[in-house]
Amino acid sequence: MSADCAAPWGGEGGGGLSDAQLLERFVRDREEAAFEVLVWRHAPLVLGVCRRALRDEQEAETATEELRLLDEEIGRLPAAYRAAVVLCYLEGQTQAALDDLRGKKR
């Protein structure tokens, strides 16, 4: 784990890096600690949204935990697929945007 991603589940975590910088480190360098910091930063927001949407505390906590487990699943993917999952599914980008990023013609 790099020094500026230390303590992802407590304290400030992320070493002052922006969400975009952390996401770039995760996608480009497979730095799982960067994704852990993102999950830590946004878990309260996710839990709040889940509470409002599901109106069941246990279901909301379960859904929030699923986000943490996603870290492990994405980390197992090859880099090219990891980028697709993060950009297309988590950030709402289209396949065309991903192709443009990768310099691939459709």
N, C-alpha and C. Protein backbone atom coordinates (compact mmCIF):
# COMPACT_ATOMS: atom_id res chain seq x y z
N MET A 1 0.86 -1.18 0.00
CA MET A 1 0.00 0.00 0.00
C MET A 1 0.90 1.22 0.00
N SER A 2 0.60 2.19 -0.85
CA SER A 2 1.42 3.40 -0.89
C SER A 2 1.14 4.27 0.33
N ALA A 3 2.10 5.11 0.63
CA ALA A 3 1.99 5.95 1.82
C ALA A 3 0.78 6.87 1.76
N ASP A 4 0.44 7.39 0.56
CA ASP A 4 -0.67 8.34 0.51
C ASP A 4 -2.03 7.66 0.40
N CYS A 5 -2.08 6.35 0.50
CA CYS A 5 -3.36 5.64 0.60
C CYS A 5 -3.44 4.90 1.92
N ALA A 6 -2.57 5.23 2.85
CA ALA A 6 -2.56 4.54 4.15
C ALA A 6 -3.84 4.82 4.91
N ALA A 7 -4.18 3.92 5.80
CA ALA A 7 -5.34 4.05 6.69
C ALA A 7 -6.64 4.33 5.94
N PRO A 8 -7.00 3.48 4.96
CA PRO A 8 -8.19 3.78 4.17
C PRO A 8 -9.50 3.69 4.93
N TRP A 9 -9.55 2.93 6.03
CA TRP A 9 -10.82 2.76 6.72
C TRP A 9 -10.94 3.64 7.95
N GLY A 10 -9.97 4.48 8.20
CA GLY A 10 -10.06 5.36 9.35
C GLY A 10 -9.29 6.62 9.09
N GLY A 11 -9.51 7.65 9.85
CA GLY A 11 -8.81 8.91 9.65
C GLY A 11 -9.15 9.52 8.32
N GLU A 12 -8.27 10.35 7.83
CA GLU A 12 -8.52 11.05 6.57
C GLU A 12 -8.40 10.10 5.38
N GLY A 13 -7.36 9.28 5.34
CA GLY A 13 -7.17 8.35 4.24
C GLY A 13 -7.06 9.04 2.90
N GLY A 14 -6.36 8.46 1.98
CA GLY A 14 -6.25 8.99 0.64
C GLY A 14 -5.17 10.03 0.46
N GLY A 15 -4.53 10.45 1.53
CA GLY A 15 -3.41 11.37 1.42
C GLY A 15 -3.74 12.65 0.68
N GLY A 16 -4.97 13.12 0.75
CA GLY A 16 -5.35 14.35 0.08
C GLY A 16 -5.63 14.19 -1.41
N LEU A 17 -5.62 12.97 -1.91
CA LEU A 17 -5.91 12.74 -3.32
C LEU A 17 -7.40 12.90 -3.58
N SER A 18 -7.73 13.40 -4.76
CA SER A 18 -9.14 13.53 -5.15
C SER A 18 -9.71 12.16 -5.50
N ASP A 19 -11.02 12.09 -5.58
CA ASP A 19 -11.67 10.84 -6.00
C ASP A 19 -11.18 10.43 -7.39
N ALA A 20 -11.06 11.40 -8.29
CA ALA A 20 -10.60 11.10 -9.66
C ALA A 20 -9.19 10.53 -9.65
N GLN A 21 -8.31 11.09 -8.82
CA GLN A 21 -6.94 10.59 -8.74
C GLN A 21 -6.91 9.17 -8.17
N LEU A 22 -7.73 8.93 -7.16
CA LEU A 22 -7.79 7.59 -6.58
C LEU A 22 -8.33 6.59 -7.59
N LEU A 23 -9.37 6.97 -8.33
CA LEU A 23 -9.93 6.08 -9.34
C LEU A 23 -8.90 5.78 -10.43
N GLU A 24 -8.15 6.79 -10.82
CA GLU A 24 -7.11 6.59 -11.83
C GLU A 24 -6.06 5.60 -11.32
N ARG A 25 -5.65 5.74 -10.08
CA ARG A 25 -4.67 4.82 -9.51
C ARG A 25 -5.21 3.39 -9.47
N PHE A 26 -6.49 3.26 -9.16
CA PHE A 26 -7.07 1.93 -9.11
C PHE A 26 -7.13 1.30 -10.49
N VAL A 27 -7.60 2.05 -11.48
CA VAL A 27 -7.76 1.52 -12.83
C VAL A 27 -6.40 1.29 -13.48
N ARG A 28 -5.52 2.28 -13.40
CA ARG A 28 -4.23 2.21 -14.09
C ARG A 28 -3.23 1.29 -13.42
N ASP A 29 -3.16 1.38 -12.08
CA ASP A 29 -2.08 0.71 -11.35
C ASP A 29 -2.53 -0.48 -10.51
N ARG A 30 -3.82 -0.79 -10.55
CA ARG A 30 -4.36 -1.88 -9.72
C ARG A 30 -4.10 -1.62 -8.24
N GLU A 31 -4.08 -0.38 -7.84
CA GLU A 31 -3.84 -0.03 -6.45
C GLU A 31 -5.15 -0.17 -5.68
N GLU A 32 -5.33 -1.35 -5.10
CA GLU A 32 -6.58 -1.65 -4.42
C GLU A 32 -6.84 -0.72 -3.24
N ALA A 33 -5.79 -0.25 -2.61
CA ALA A 33 -5.97 0.67 -1.48
C ALA A 33 -6.68 1.94 -1.93
N ALA A 34 -6.46 2.35 -3.17
CA ALA A 34 -7.13 3.54 -3.69
C ALA A 34 -8.64 3.33 -3.75
N PHE A 35 -9.05 2.14 -4.20
CA PHE A 35 -10.49 1.85 -4.25
C PHE A 35 -11.06 1.74 -2.84
N GLU A 36 -10.28 1.19 -1.92
CA GLU A 36 -10.74 1.09 -0.54
C GLU A 36 -11.00 2.47 0.05
N VAL A 37 -10.15 3.43 -0.29
CA VAL A 37 -10.36 4.80 0.20
C VAL A 37 -11.65 5.36 -0.38
N LEU A 38 -11.90 5.12 -1.67
CA LEU A 38 -13.14 5.59 -2.29
C LEU A 38 -14.36 4.98 -1.61
N VAL A 39 -14.29 3.69 -1.35
CA VAL A 39 -15.40 3.02 -0.67
C VAL A 39 -15.60 3.64 0.71
N TRP A 40 -14.51 3.82 1.45
CA TRP A 40 -14.59 4.41 2.79
C TRP A 40 -15.19 5.81 2.74
N ARG A 41 -14.74 6.61 1.78
CA ARG A 41 -15.23 7.99 1.67
C ARG A 41 -16.72 8.05 1.38
N HIS A 42 -17.20 7.13 0.56
CA HIS A 42 -18.57 7.23 0.08
C HIS A 42 -19.54 6.26 0.75
N ALA A 43 -19.08 5.41 1.64
CA ALA A 43 -19.96 4.46 2.31
C ALA A 43 -21.11 5.14 3.06
N PRO A 44 -20.87 6.25 3.79
CA PRO A 44 -22.01 6.89 4.47
C PRO A 44 -23.07 7.40 3.48
N LEU A 45 -22.64 7.92 2.35
CA LEU A 45 -23.57 8.38 1.32
C LEU A 45 -24.37 7.20 0.77
N VAL A 46 -23.67 6.12 0.46
CA VAL A 46 -24.34 4.92 -0.07
C VAL A 46 -25.33 4.38 0.95
N LEU A 47 -24.92 4.31 2.21
CA LEU A 47 -25.82 3.82 3.25
C LEU A 47 -27.06 4.70 3.35
N GLY A 48 -26.89 6.01 3.29
CA GLY A 48 -28.04 6.92 3.35
C GLY A 48 -29.00 6.72 2.19
N VAL A 49 -28.44 6.58 0.99
CA VAL A 49 -29.28 6.34 -0.19
C VAL A 49 -30.01 5.01 -0.05
N CYS A 50 -29.30 3.99 0.40
CA CYS A 50 -29.92 2.67 0.58
C CYS A 50 -31.02 2.71 1.63
N ARG A 51 -30.80 3.45 2.71
CA ARG A 51 -31.84 3.56 3.74
C ARG A 51 -33.10 4.19 3.18
N ARG A 52 -32.92 5.27 2.41
CA ARG A 52 -34.09 5.95 1.84
C ARG A 52 -34.79 5.09 0.79
N ALA A 53 -34.01 4.41 -0.03
CA ALA A 53 -34.60 3.61 -1.11
C ALA A 53 -35.24 2.32 -0.60
N LEU A 54 -34.57 1.67 0.34
CA LEU A 54 -35.03 0.35 0.80
C LEU A 54 -35.95 0.41 2.01
N ARG A 55 -35.84 1.46 2.79
CA ARG A 55 -36.65 1.64 4.00
C ARG A 55 -36.59 0.44 4.95
N ASP A 56 -35.41 -0.17 4.98
CA ASP A 56 -35.17 -1.31 5.86
C ASP A 56 -33.70 -1.27 6.23
N GLU A 57 -33.43 -1.09 7.52
CA GLU A 57 -32.05 -0.91 7.98
C GLU A 57 -31.16 -2.08 7.62
N GLN A 58 -31.63 -3.29 7.84
CA GLN A 58 -30.81 -4.47 7.54
C GLN A 58 -30.51 -4.57 6.05
N GLU A 59 -31.51 -4.34 5.22
CA GLU A 59 -31.30 -4.37 3.76
C GLU A 59 -30.32 -3.28 3.34
N ALA A 60 -30.43 -2.10 3.94
CA ALA A 60 -29.53 -0.99 3.61
C ALA A 60 -28.09 -1.33 3.98
N GLU A 61 -27.90 -1.92 5.14
CA GLU A 61 -26.55 -2.31 5.55
C GLU A 61 -25.99 -3.40 4.65
N THR A 62 -26.84 -4.33 4.24
CA THR A 62 -26.41 -5.40 3.33
C THR A 62 -25.99 -4.81 1.98
N ALA A 63 -26.78 -3.91 1.46
CA ALA A 63 -26.45 -3.28 0.17
C ALA A 63 -25.14 -2.50 0.26
N THR A 64 -24.92 -1.81 1.37
CA THR A 64 -23.69 -1.06 1.56
C THR A 64 -22.49 -2.01 1.63
N GLU A 65 -22.66 -3.12 2.30
CA GLU A 65 -21.57 -4.11 2.39
C GLU A 65 -21.24 -4.67 1.02
N GLU A 66 -22.23 -4.80 0.15
CA GLU A 66 -21.99 -5.28 -1.20
C GLU A 66 -21.00 -4.38 -1.94
N LEU A 67 -21.05 -3.10 -1.68
CA LEU A 67 -20.09 -2.17 -2.29
C LEU A 67 -18.67 -2.52 -1.88
N ARG A 68 -18.50 -2.86 -0.62
CA ARG A 68 -17.16 -3.23 -0.14
C ARG A 68 -16.69 -4.52 -0.82
N LEU A 69 -17.59 -5.45 -1.01
CA LEU A 69 -17.23 -6.71 -1.66
C LEU A 69 -16.91 -6.51 -3.14
N LEU A 70 -17.51 -5.50 -3.74
CA LEU A 70 -17.24 -5.19 -5.14
C LEU A 70 -15.76 -4.90 -5.36
N ASP A 71 -15.12 -4.29 -4.39
CA ASP A 71 -13.69 -4.01 -4.46
C ASP A 71 -12.91 -5.28 -4.77
N GLU A 72 -13.21 -6.36 -4.06
CA GLU A 72 -12.51 -7.62 -4.27
C GLU A 72 -12.76 -8.18 -5.67
N GLU A 73 -14.01 -8.12 -6.11
CA GLU A 73 -14.37 -8.66 -7.41
C GLU A 73 -13.70 -7.89 -8.56
N ILE A 74 -13.75 -6.59 -8.49
CA ILE A 74 -13.14 -5.77 -9.55
C ILE A 74 -11.63 -5.97 -9.56
N GLY A 75 -11.03 -6.10 -8.39
CA GLY A 75 -9.59 -6.29 -8.31
C GLY A 75 -9.10 -7.56 -8.97
N ARG A 76 -9.96 -8.54 -9.14
CA ARG A 76 -9.58 -9.81 -9.77
C ARG A 76 -9.61 -9.74 -11.30
N LEU A 77 -10.24 -8.71 -11.84
CA LEU A 77 -10.37 -8.60 -13.30
C LEU A 77 -9.07 -8.14 -13.94
N PRO A 78 -8.82 -8.56 -15.19
CA PRO A 78 -7.69 -8.00 -15.93
C PRO A 78 -7.89 -6.49 -16.10
N ALA A 79 -6.81 -5.76 -16.25
CA ALA A 79 -6.85 -4.30 -16.30
C ALA A 79 -7.85 -3.77 -17.33
N ALA A 80 -7.89 -4.34 -18.52
CA ALA A 80 -8.79 -3.84 -19.57
C ALA A 80 -10.26 -3.97 -19.15
N TYR A 81 -10.60 -5.05 -18.50
CA TYR A 81 -11.98 -5.25 -18.04
C TYR A 81 -12.28 -4.38 -16.84
N ARG A 82 -11.29 -4.20 -15.97
CA ARG A 82 -11.47 -3.37 -14.79
C ARG A 82 -11.84 -1.95 -15.22
N ALA A 83 -11.13 -1.43 -16.20
CA ALA A 83 -11.42 -0.08 -16.70
C ALA A 83 -12.84 -0.02 -17.24
N ALA A 84 -13.26 -1.04 -17.97
CA ALA A 84 -14.62 -1.05 -18.53
C ALA A 84 -15.67 -1.04 -17.43
N VAL A 85 -15.47 -1.85 -16.41
CA VAL A 85 -16.45 -1.90 -15.30
C VAL A 85 -16.51 -0.55 -14.61
N VAL A 86 -15.37 0.00 -14.29
CA VAL A 86 -15.34 1.26 -13.55
C VAL A 86 -15.92 2.39 -14.38
N LEU A 87 -15.49 2.52 -15.62
CA LEU A 87 -15.93 3.64 -16.45
C LEU A 87 -17.36 3.50 -16.95
N CYS A 88 -17.70 2.31 -17.43
CA CYS A 88 -19.03 2.13 -18.03
C CYS A 88 -20.12 1.93 -17.00
N TYR A 89 -19.86 1.13 -16.02
CA TYR A 89 -20.92 0.77 -15.08
C TYR A 89 -20.96 1.66 -13.85
N LEU A 90 -19.81 1.92 -13.24
CA LEU A 90 -19.82 2.70 -12.01
C LEU A 90 -19.91 4.20 -12.28
N GLU A 91 -19.34 4.66 -13.38
CA GLU A 91 -19.38 6.08 -13.69
C GLU A 91 -20.42 6.42 -14.75
N GLY A 92 -21.11 5.43 -15.30
CA GLY A 92 -22.17 5.69 -16.25
C GLY A 92 -21.69 6.08 -17.64
N GLN A 93 -20.45 5.78 -17.97
CA GLN A 93 -19.93 6.10 -19.30
C GLN A 93 -20.41 5.05 -20.30
N THR A 94 -20.44 5.43 -21.55
CA THR A 94 -20.86 4.50 -22.61
C THR A 94 -19.68 3.69 -23.11
N GLN A 95 -19.99 2.62 -23.82
CA GLN A 95 -18.93 1.81 -24.44
C GLN A 95 -18.14 2.66 -25.44
N ALA A 96 -18.81 3.56 -26.15
CA ALA A 96 -18.12 4.44 -27.09
C ALA A 96 -17.10 5.32 -26.38
N ALA A 97 -17.46 5.82 -25.19
CA ALA A 97 -16.52 6.65 -24.42
C ALA A 97 -15.30 5.83 -24.01
N LEU A 98 -15.55 4.58 -23.61
CA LEU A 98 -14.44 3.71 -23.24
C LEU A 98 -13.56 3.43 -24.46
N ASP A 99 -14.18 3.16 -25.60
CA ASP A 99 -13.41 2.93 -26.82
C ASP A 99 -12.57 4.15 -27.17
N ASP A 100 -13.13 5.33 -27.04
CA ASP A 100 -12.37 6.56 -27.31
C ASP A 100 -11.17 6.65 -26.37
N LEU A 101 -11.39 6.36 -25.11
CA LEU A 101 -10.31 6.41 -24.12
C LEU A 101 -9.20 5.45 -24.48
N ARG A 102 -9.56 4.28 -24.96
CA ARG A 102 -8.58 3.27 -25.30
C ARG A 102 -8.04 3.44 -26.72
N GLY A 103 -8.55 4.42 -27.49
CA GLY A 103 -8.09 4.65 -28.85
C GLY A 103 -8.56 3.59 -29.83
N LYS A 104 -9.66 2.95 -29.51
CA LYS A 104 -10.19 1.86 -30.33
C LYS A 104 -11.29 2.40 -31.24
N LYS A 105 -11.23 2.01 -32.50
CA LYS A 105 -12.27 2.40 -33.46
C LYS A 105 -13.41 1.39 -33.37
N ARG A 106 -14.64 1.93 -33.49
CA ARG A 106 -15.82 1.06 -33.46
C ARG A 106 -16.19 0.64 -34.84
